[in-house]
Amino acid sequence: MPDIKSIKLLTDSPVLMRDGTILYADLYMPDSPGSFPTIIQRTPYDKTSALSNQMLDPVKAAKSGYVYMIQDTRGRYTSEGDFTPFVDEIDDGYDTIEWAANQPWSTGKIGMCGASYVGATQWLAAVSRPPHLVTIVPNVTASNYYNGWTYQ
């Protein structure tokens, strides 16, 4: 485990989607030189809420040598666009992963984590096979949105 003494927080970092929509993310990262693997949480629940910080402790992740990125999904809280559940998550997930992988602070290895709708954002991003996505850790989520979870 790296010996990281301090972290830095970059709030409301703009991430441009292929259609011109900007989604905003908060980045928790080691305050030291180098590049780091990145963990992404894409949430409709407000990137600054206590719930978002409970899925995985962003400070602990950054002190362990990861960049932890929490992004408001399209049309939610700080992010632009209209929120329609599940509709934009494939493309937005792909674009977010590839954006993060190409930042100077990133090693290019991207993982995702989270529960509930945040788990669905992982499954849907993985469908598009982004080249830099190496793992997803969805929990308490569904794989079939038409069987009682979202739609009846």
N, C-alpha and C. Protein backbone atom coordinates (compact mmCIF):
# COMPACT_ATOMS: atom_id res chain seq x y z
N MET A 1 0.85 -1.19 0.00
CA MET A 1 0.00 0.00 0.00
C MET A 1 0.89 1.24 0.00
N PRO A 2 0.56 2.21 -0.85
CA PRO A 2 1.36 3.43 -0.90
C PRO A 2 1.28 4.22 0.41
N ASP A 3 2.32 4.97 0.68
CA ASP A 3 2.35 5.81 1.86
C ASP A 3 1.92 7.22 1.47
N ILE A 4 0.62 7.42 1.30
CA ILE A 4 0.08 8.70 0.87
C ILE A 4 -0.42 9.46 2.09
N LYS A 5 0.17 10.60 2.32
CA LYS A 5 -0.15 11.39 3.52
C LYS A 5 -1.34 12.31 3.31
N SER A 6 -1.51 12.83 2.09
CA SER A 6 -2.60 13.77 1.86
C SER A 6 -3.23 13.52 0.50
N ILE A 7 -4.44 14.03 0.38
CA ILE A 7 -5.18 13.89 -0.88
C ILE A 7 -5.64 15.27 -1.32
N LYS A 8 -6.08 15.35 -2.57
CA LYS A 8 -6.69 16.59 -3.03
C LYS A 8 -8.05 16.26 -3.63
N LEU A 9 -8.94 17.21 -3.56
CA LEU A 9 -10.29 17.06 -4.08
C LEU A 9 -10.51 18.11 -5.16
N LEU A 10 -10.86 17.64 -6.35
CA LEU A 10 -11.22 18.54 -7.44
C LEU A 10 -12.73 18.41 -7.64
N THR A 11 -13.46 19.48 -7.36
CA THR A 11 -14.92 19.42 -7.46
C THR A 11 -15.40 19.91 -8.82
N ASP A 12 -16.51 19.35 -9.25
CA ASP A 12 -17.19 19.74 -10.48
C ASP A 12 -16.28 19.75 -11.71
N SER A 13 -15.51 18.70 -11.86
CA SER A 13 -14.68 18.54 -13.06
C SER A 13 -15.58 18.20 -14.24
N PRO A 14 -15.51 18.96 -15.33
CA PRO A 14 -16.39 18.71 -16.48
C PRO A 14 -15.90 17.54 -17.33
N VAL A 15 -16.83 16.67 -17.69
CA VAL A 15 -16.53 15.53 -18.57
C VAL A 15 -17.48 15.63 -19.76
N LEU A 16 -16.91 15.84 -20.94
CA LEU A 16 -17.69 16.05 -22.15
C LEU A 16 -18.14 14.72 -22.76
N MET A 17 -19.45 14.60 -22.99
CA MET A 17 -20.00 13.42 -23.65
C MET A 17 -20.02 13.63 -25.16
N ARG A 18 -20.16 12.57 -25.90
CA ARG A 18 -20.10 12.62 -27.37
C ARG A 18 -21.14 13.54 -27.99
N ASP A 19 -22.27 13.78 -27.29
CA ASP A 19 -23.31 14.66 -27.85
C ASP A 19 -23.18 16.10 -27.39
N GLY A 20 -22.09 16.42 -26.70
CA GLY A 20 -21.86 17.79 -26.24
C GLY A 20 -22.34 18.07 -24.83
N THR A 21 -23.05 17.14 -24.22
CA THR A 21 -23.53 17.31 -22.84
C THR A 21 -22.33 17.20 -21.90
N ILE A 22 -22.34 18.02 -20.86
CA ILE A 22 -21.27 17.97 -19.86
C ILE A 22 -21.82 17.36 -18.57
N LEU A 23 -21.13 16.32 -18.11
CA LEU A 23 -21.44 15.71 -16.83
C LEU A 23 -20.33 16.09 -15.86
N TYR A 24 -20.68 16.37 -14.62
CA TYR A 24 -19.70 16.87 -13.65
C TYR A 24 -19.37 15.80 -12.61
N ALA A 25 -18.09 15.78 -12.25
CA ALA A 25 -17.59 14.78 -11.32
C ALA A 25 -16.70 15.43 -10.27
N ASP A 26 -16.67 14.80 -9.09
CA ASP A 26 -15.71 15.17 -8.06
C ASP A 26 -14.62 14.10 -8.07
N LEU A 27 -13.37 14.55 -7.99
CA LEU A 27 -12.22 13.65 -8.04
C LEU A 27 -11.45 13.72 -6.73
N TYR A 28 -11.34 12.59 -6.07
CA TYR A 28 -10.52 12.46 -4.87
C TYR A 28 -9.25 11.76 -5.33
N MET A 29 -8.09 12.36 -5.09
CA MET A 29 -6.86 11.77 -5.60
C MET A 29 -5.69 11.98 -4.67
N PRO A 30 -4.70 11.10 -4.76
CA PRO A 30 -3.50 11.31 -3.95
C PRO A 30 -2.86 12.65 -4.31
N ASP A 31 -2.40 13.35 -3.31
CA ASP A 31 -1.71 14.62 -3.54
C ASP A 31 -0.22 14.33 -3.66
N SER A 32 0.12 13.63 -4.72
CA SER A 32 1.51 13.27 -4.98
C SER A 32 1.67 13.06 -6.48
N PRO A 33 2.89 13.16 -6.96
CA PRO A 33 3.10 12.99 -8.40
C PRO A 33 2.84 11.55 -8.82
N GLY A 34 2.55 11.39 -10.09
CA GLY A 34 2.36 10.05 -10.63
C GLY A 34 0.98 9.86 -11.20
N SER A 35 0.76 8.68 -11.70
CA SER A 35 -0.56 8.32 -12.22
C SER A 35 -1.08 7.14 -11.40
N PHE A 36 -2.40 7.02 -11.36
CA PHE A 36 -3.04 6.09 -10.44
C PHE A 36 -4.20 5.37 -11.13
N PRO A 37 -4.48 4.14 -10.73
CA PRO A 37 -5.70 3.51 -11.23
C PRO A 37 -6.91 4.29 -10.72
N THR A 38 -8.00 4.22 -11.47
CA THR A 38 -9.17 5.05 -11.18
C THR A 38 -10.40 4.20 -10.92
N ILE A 39 -11.16 4.58 -9.91
CA ILE A 39 -12.43 3.94 -9.58
C ILE A 39 -13.52 4.98 -9.86
N ILE A 40 -14.52 4.58 -10.63
CA ILE A 40 -15.61 5.49 -11.00
C ILE A 40 -16.92 5.04 -10.38
N GLN A 41 -17.63 6.00 -9.82
CA GLN A 41 -19.00 5.80 -9.37
C GLN A 41 -19.86 6.83 -10.10
N ARG A 42 -20.80 6.36 -10.91
CA ARG A 42 -21.72 7.25 -11.63
C ARG A 42 -23.07 7.15 -10.92
N THR A 43 -23.58 8.28 -10.42
CA THR A 43 -24.75 8.22 -9.55
C THR A 43 -25.84 9.22 -9.90
N PRO A 44 -27.10 8.80 -9.78
CA PRO A 44 -28.20 9.76 -9.89
C PRO A 44 -28.59 10.33 -8.51
N TYR A 45 -27.88 9.90 -7.46
CA TYR A 45 -28.26 10.22 -6.08
C TYR A 45 -27.55 11.43 -5.49
N ASP A 46 -26.81 12.20 -6.26
CA ASP A 46 -26.06 13.39 -5.84
C ASP A 46 -24.67 12.99 -5.37
N LYS A 47 -23.69 13.37 -6.16
CA LYS A 47 -22.30 13.00 -5.90
C LYS A 47 -21.79 13.52 -4.55
N THR A 48 -22.45 14.50 -3.98
CA THR A 48 -22.00 15.05 -2.70
C THR A 48 -22.75 14.48 -1.50
N SER A 49 -23.70 13.59 -1.73
CA SER A 49 -24.51 13.07 -0.62
C SER A 49 -23.75 12.06 0.22
N ALA A 50 -24.20 11.88 1.43
CA ALA A 50 -23.59 10.89 2.32
C ALA A 50 -23.71 9.49 1.73
N LEU A 51 -24.80 9.20 1.02
CA LEU A 51 -24.97 7.89 0.39
C LEU A 51 -23.85 7.61 -0.60
N SER A 52 -23.50 8.58 -1.41
CA SER A 52 -22.43 8.39 -2.40
C SER A 52 -21.09 8.13 -1.74
N ASN A 53 -20.85 8.75 -0.61
CA ASN A 53 -19.58 8.56 0.10
C ASN A 53 -19.55 7.29 0.93
N GLN A 54 -20.70 6.61 1.10
CA GLN A 54 -20.74 5.37 1.86
C GLN A 54 -20.51 4.14 0.99
N MET A 55 -20.71 4.26 -0.32
CA MET A 55 -20.54 3.09 -1.19
C MET A 55 -19.09 2.62 -1.16
N LEU A 56 -18.18 3.55 -1.17
CA LEU A 56 -16.75 3.31 -0.97
C LEU A 56 -16.20 4.64 -0.48
N ASP A 57 -15.47 4.61 0.60
CA ASP A 57 -14.93 5.84 1.18
C ASP A 57 -13.93 6.47 0.22
N PRO A 58 -14.26 7.63 -0.38
CA PRO A 58 -13.37 8.24 -1.36
C PRO A 58 -12.03 8.69 -0.78
N VAL A 59 -12.03 9.11 0.47
CA VAL A 59 -10.78 9.55 1.10
C VAL A 59 -9.87 8.34 1.31
N LYS A 60 -10.43 7.26 1.81
CA LYS A 60 -9.64 6.05 2.03
C LYS A 60 -9.11 5.50 0.70
N ALA A 61 -9.94 5.56 -0.36
CA ALA A 61 -9.50 5.09 -1.68
C ALA A 61 -8.32 5.93 -2.17
N ALA A 62 -8.42 7.25 -2.04
CA ALA A 62 -7.33 8.12 -2.49
C ALA A 62 -6.06 7.90 -1.68
N LYS A 63 -6.19 7.71 -0.38
CA LYS A 63 -5.02 7.45 0.46
C LYS A 63 -4.42 6.07 0.17
N SER A 64 -5.18 5.20 -0.47
CA SER A 64 -4.68 3.88 -0.85
C SER A 64 -4.08 3.86 -2.25
N GLY A 65 -4.03 5.02 -2.90
CA GLY A 65 -3.36 5.10 -4.19
C GLY A 65 -4.27 5.04 -5.40
N TYR A 66 -5.54 5.37 -5.23
CA TYR A 66 -6.50 5.39 -6.33
C TYR A 66 -7.03 6.81 -6.53
N VAL A 67 -7.43 7.10 -7.74
CA VAL A 67 -8.28 8.26 -7.99
C VAL A 67 -9.70 7.76 -7.87
N TYR A 68 -10.51 8.42 -7.07
CA TYR A 68 -11.91 8.03 -6.91
C TYR A 68 -12.77 9.13 -7.50
N MET A 69 -13.52 8.78 -8.53
CA MET A 69 -14.32 9.75 -9.28
C MET A 69 -15.81 9.47 -9.04
N ILE A 70 -16.52 10.47 -8.53
CA ILE A 70 -17.97 10.35 -8.34
C ILE A 70 -18.62 11.36 -9.29
N GLN A 71 -19.45 10.85 -10.19
CA GLN A 71 -20.05 11.69 -11.23
C GLN A 71 -21.57 11.66 -11.13
N ASP A 72 -22.18 12.84 -11.19
CA ASP A 72 -23.64 12.91 -11.31
C ASP A 72 -24.02 12.46 -12.73
N THR A 73 -24.95 11.53 -12.84
CA THR A 73 -25.39 11.08 -14.15
C THR A 73 -26.15 12.19 -14.86
N ARG A 74 -26.34 11.99 -16.13
CA ARG A 74 -27.01 12.96 -17.01
C ARG A 74 -28.34 13.43 -16.39
N GLY A 75 -28.49 14.77 -16.34
CA GLY A 75 -29.73 15.36 -15.87
C GLY A 75 -29.95 15.34 -14.37
N ARG A 76 -28.93 14.95 -13.61
CA ARG A 76 -29.07 14.88 -12.16
C ARG A 76 -28.09 15.84 -11.49
N TYR A 77 -28.59 16.61 -10.55
CA TYR A 77 -27.82 17.54 -9.73
C TYR A 77 -26.95 18.46 -10.58
N THR A 78 -25.63 18.34 -10.58
CA THR A 78 -24.79 19.31 -11.29
C THR A 78 -24.68 19.04 -12.79
N SER A 79 -25.02 17.84 -13.23
CA SER A 79 -24.79 17.48 -14.64
C SER A 79 -25.89 17.98 -15.56
N GLU A 80 -25.48 18.30 -16.79
CA GLU A 80 -26.41 18.79 -17.81
C GLU A 80 -27.25 17.64 -18.38
N GLY A 81 -28.27 18.02 -19.16
CA GLY A 81 -29.08 17.05 -19.88
C GLY A 81 -30.35 16.67 -19.14
N ASP A 82 -31.07 15.72 -19.73
CA ASP A 82 -32.32 15.22 -19.16
C ASP A 82 -32.12 13.80 -18.67
N PHE A 83 -32.63 13.52 -17.47
CA PHE A 83 -32.50 12.19 -16.89
C PHE A 83 -33.67 11.30 -17.33
N THR A 84 -33.36 10.25 -18.04
CA THR A 84 -34.31 9.20 -18.37
C THR A 84 -33.64 7.90 -17.94
N PRO A 85 -34.19 7.23 -16.92
CA PRO A 85 -33.49 6.06 -16.37
C PRO A 85 -33.01 5.08 -17.43
N PHE A 86 -31.73 4.75 -17.34
CA PHE A 86 -31.04 3.72 -18.13
C PHE A 86 -30.77 4.09 -19.59
N VAL A 87 -31.41 5.10 -20.13
CA VAL A 87 -31.34 5.38 -21.57
C VAL A 87 -29.93 5.79 -22.03
N ASP A 88 -29.27 6.67 -21.29
CA ASP A 88 -27.97 7.20 -21.73
C ASP A 88 -26.77 6.55 -21.05
N GLU A 89 -27.01 5.57 -20.20
CA GLU A 89 -25.93 5.04 -19.37
C GLU A 89 -24.87 4.27 -20.16
N ILE A 90 -25.23 3.64 -21.27
CA ILE A 90 -24.24 2.91 -22.06
C ILE A 90 -23.21 3.88 -22.64
N ASP A 91 -23.67 4.88 -23.40
CA ASP A 91 -22.75 5.83 -24.03
C ASP A 91 -22.07 6.73 -23.00
N ASP A 92 -22.83 7.21 -22.02
CA ASP A 92 -22.23 8.10 -21.01
C ASP A 92 -21.19 7.35 -20.18
N GLY A 93 -21.45 6.10 -19.87
CA GLY A 93 -20.48 5.29 -19.14
C GLY A 93 -19.20 5.11 -19.94
N TYR A 94 -19.35 4.74 -21.20
CA TYR A 94 -18.19 4.57 -22.08
C TYR A 94 -17.38 5.86 -22.16
N ASP A 95 -18.05 6.97 -22.43
CA ASP A 95 -17.35 8.26 -22.57
C ASP A 95 -16.64 8.66 -21.29
N THR A 96 -17.27 8.42 -20.15
CA THR A 96 -16.67 8.77 -18.86
C THR A 96 -15.43 7.92 -18.59
N ILE A 97 -15.53 6.63 -18.84
CA ILE A 97 -14.40 5.72 -18.62
C ILE A 97 -13.22 6.12 -19.49
N GLU A 98 -13.47 6.35 -20.76
CA GLU A 98 -12.38 6.69 -21.67
C GLU A 98 -11.81 8.07 -21.38
N TRP A 99 -12.64 9.01 -20.93
CA TRP A 99 -12.14 10.32 -20.51
C TRP A 99 -11.17 10.14 -19.35
N ALA A 100 -11.59 9.40 -18.32
CA ALA A 100 -10.75 9.21 -17.14
C ALA A 100 -9.45 8.50 -17.51
N ALA A 101 -9.52 7.50 -18.37
CA ALA A 101 -8.34 6.72 -18.74
C ALA A 101 -7.30 7.57 -19.45
N ASN A 102 -7.72 8.64 -20.08
CA ASN A 102 -6.81 9.48 -20.86
C ASN A 102 -6.34 10.73 -20.12
N GLN A 103 -6.60 10.81 -18.84
CA GLN A 103 -6.12 11.95 -18.05
C GLN A 103 -4.70 11.69 -17.57
N PRO A 104 -3.90 12.74 -17.39
CA PRO A 104 -2.50 12.54 -16.99
C PRO A 104 -2.35 11.87 -15.62
N TRP A 105 -3.34 11.97 -14.76
CA TRP A 105 -3.26 11.36 -13.44
C TRP A 105 -3.68 9.89 -13.43
N SER A 106 -4.09 9.36 -14.58
CA SER A 106 -4.61 7.99 -14.66
C SER A 106 -3.60 7.03 -15.28
N THR A 107 -3.56 5.81 -14.75
CA THR A 107 -2.76 4.74 -15.36
C THR A 107 -3.46 4.16 -16.58
N GLY A 108 -4.75 4.49 -16.75
CA GLY A 108 -5.54 3.91 -17.83
C GLY A 108 -6.30 2.68 -17.39
N LYS A 109 -6.12 2.25 -16.16
CA LYS A 109 -6.87 1.11 -15.62
C LYS A 109 -8.05 1.66 -14.84
N ILE A 110 -9.27 1.32 -15.30
CA ILE A 110 -10.48 1.88 -14.71
C ILE A 110 -11.34 0.76 -14.14
N GLY A 111 -11.83 0.98 -12.93
CA GLY A 111 -12.81 0.11 -12.30
C GLY A 111 -14.03 0.92 -11.94
N MET A 112 -15.13 0.23 -11.68
CA MET A 112 -16.36 0.90 -11.25
C MET A 112 -16.93 0.16 -10.05
N CYS A 113 -17.67 0.88 -9.20
CA CYS A 113 -18.29 0.24 -8.05
C CYS A 113 -19.57 0.97 -7.67
N GLY A 114 -20.37 0.31 -6.84
CA GLY A 114 -21.56 0.95 -6.29
C GLY A 114 -22.78 0.05 -6.31
N ALA A 115 -23.82 0.53 -5.65
CA ALA A 115 -25.04 -0.26 -5.44
C ALA A 115 -26.25 0.41 -6.08
N SER A 116 -27.29 -0.38 -6.25
CA SER A 116 -28.58 0.05 -6.75
C SER A 116 -28.43 0.60 -8.18
N TYR A 117 -28.94 1.78 -8.45
CA TYR A 117 -28.81 2.33 -9.81
C TYR A 117 -27.35 2.48 -10.20
N VAL A 118 -26.49 2.74 -9.24
CA VAL A 118 -25.06 2.86 -9.49
C VAL A 118 -24.49 1.53 -10.01
N GLY A 119 -25.04 0.42 -9.54
CA GLY A 119 -24.66 -0.88 -10.08
C GLY A 119 -25.10 -1.03 -11.52
N ALA A 120 -26.27 -0.53 -11.84
CA ALA A 120 -26.76 -0.60 -13.22
C ALA A 120 -25.90 0.23 -14.15
N THR A 121 -25.37 1.37 -13.68
CA THR A 121 -24.51 2.17 -14.55
C THR A 121 -23.26 1.39 -14.94
N GLN A 122 -22.82 0.48 -14.07
CA GLN A 122 -21.65 -0.34 -14.38
C GLN A 122 -21.97 -1.40 -15.44
N TRP A 123 -23.06 -2.13 -15.23
CA TRP A 123 -23.45 -3.16 -16.20
C TRP A 123 -23.64 -2.53 -17.59
N LEU A 124 -24.32 -1.39 -17.62
CA LEU A 124 -24.61 -0.76 -18.91
C LEU A 124 -23.35 -0.22 -19.57
N ALA A 125 -22.43 0.33 -18.80
CA ALA A 125 -21.16 0.78 -19.37
C ALA A 125 -20.36 -0.41 -19.91
N ALA A 126 -20.36 -1.50 -19.18
CA ALA A 126 -19.59 -2.68 -19.59
C ALA A 126 -20.10 -3.27 -20.91
N VAL A 127 -21.39 -3.12 -21.18
CA VAL A 127 -21.97 -3.62 -22.44
C VAL A 127 -21.25 -3.01 -23.65
N SER A 128 -20.80 -1.77 -23.52
CA SER A 128 -20.16 -1.08 -24.64
C SER A 128 -18.67 -1.43 -24.80
N ARG A 129 -18.16 -2.24 -23.90
CA ARG A 129 -16.77 -2.71 -23.94
C ARG A 129 -15.72 -1.59 -24.04
N PRO A 130 -15.74 -0.64 -23.13
CA PRO A 130 -14.70 0.39 -23.16
C PRO A 130 -13.32 -0.26 -22.94
N PRO A 131 -12.34 0.07 -23.77
CA PRO A 131 -11.06 -0.62 -23.71
C PRO A 131 -10.32 -0.52 -22.38
N HIS A 132 -10.57 0.53 -21.60
CA HIS A 132 -9.83 0.72 -20.36
C HIS A 132 -10.56 0.22 -19.11
N LEU A 133 -11.76 -0.30 -19.26
CA LEU A 133 -12.50 -0.83 -18.11
C LEU A 133 -11.96 -2.22 -17.77
N VAL A 134 -11.40 -2.37 -16.56
CA VAL A 134 -10.82 -3.66 -16.17
C VAL A 134 -11.68 -4.42 -15.16
N THR A 135 -12.57 -3.74 -14.45
CA THR A 135 -13.42 -4.46 -13.51
C THR A 135 -14.64 -3.62 -13.14
N ILE A 136 -15.72 -4.32 -12.79
CA ILE A 136 -16.89 -3.68 -12.20
C ILE A 136 -17.26 -4.45 -10.95
N VAL A 137 -17.81 -3.74 -9.96
CA VAL A 137 -18.22 -4.37 -8.71
C VAL A 137 -19.63 -3.87 -8.36
N PRO A 138 -20.63 -4.29 -9.15
CA PRO A 138 -22.00 -3.87 -8.84
C PRO A 138 -22.57 -4.71 -7.70
N ASN A 139 -23.36 -4.08 -6.86
CA ASN A 139 -24.07 -4.87 -5.84
C ASN A 139 -25.46 -4.29 -5.60
N VAL A 140 -26.34 -5.11 -5.09
CA VAL A 140 -27.72 -4.75 -4.81
C VAL A 140 -28.33 -4.04 -6.02
N THR A 141 -28.27 -4.68 -7.16
CA THR A 141 -28.78 -4.10 -8.39
C THR A 141 -29.48 -5.17 -9.19
N ALA A 142 -29.98 -4.83 -10.34
CA ALA A 142 -30.70 -5.78 -11.18
C ALA A 142 -30.06 -5.86 -12.55
N SER A 143 -30.37 -6.93 -13.24
CA SER A 143 -29.92 -7.07 -14.62
C SER A 143 -31.09 -6.98 -15.59
N ASN A 144 -32.31 -7.03 -15.06
CA ASN A 144 -33.50 -6.96 -15.89
C ASN A 144 -34.40 -5.85 -15.36
N TYR A 145 -34.41 -4.71 -16.05
CA TYR A 145 -35.16 -3.55 -15.58
C TYR A 145 -36.65 -3.65 -15.88
N TYR A 146 -37.04 -4.65 -16.64
CA TYR A 146 -38.45 -4.81 -17.04
C TYR A 146 -39.17 -5.86 -16.21
N ASN A 147 -38.56 -6.38 -15.19
CA ASN A 147 -39.17 -7.43 -14.39
C ASN A 147 -39.33 -6.97 -12.94
N GLY A 148 -40.06 -5.88 -12.76
CA GLY A 148 -40.44 -5.47 -11.42
C GLY A 148 -39.57 -4.42 -10.74
N TRP A 149 -38.39 -4.10 -11.28
CA TRP A 149 -37.57 -3.12 -10.60
C TRP A 149 -37.95 -1.71 -11.01
N THR A 150 -37.91 -1.43 -12.30
CA THR A 150 -38.23 -0.10 -12.80
C THR A 150 -39.55 -0.07 -13.54
N TYR A 151 -39.76 -1.08 -14.36
CA TYR A 151 -40.96 -1.14 -15.19
C TYR A 151 -41.77 -2.37 -14.81
N GLN A 152 -43.08 -2.27 -14.96
CA GLN A 152 -43.96 -3.41 -14.70
C GLN A 152 -44.45 -3.98 -16.02
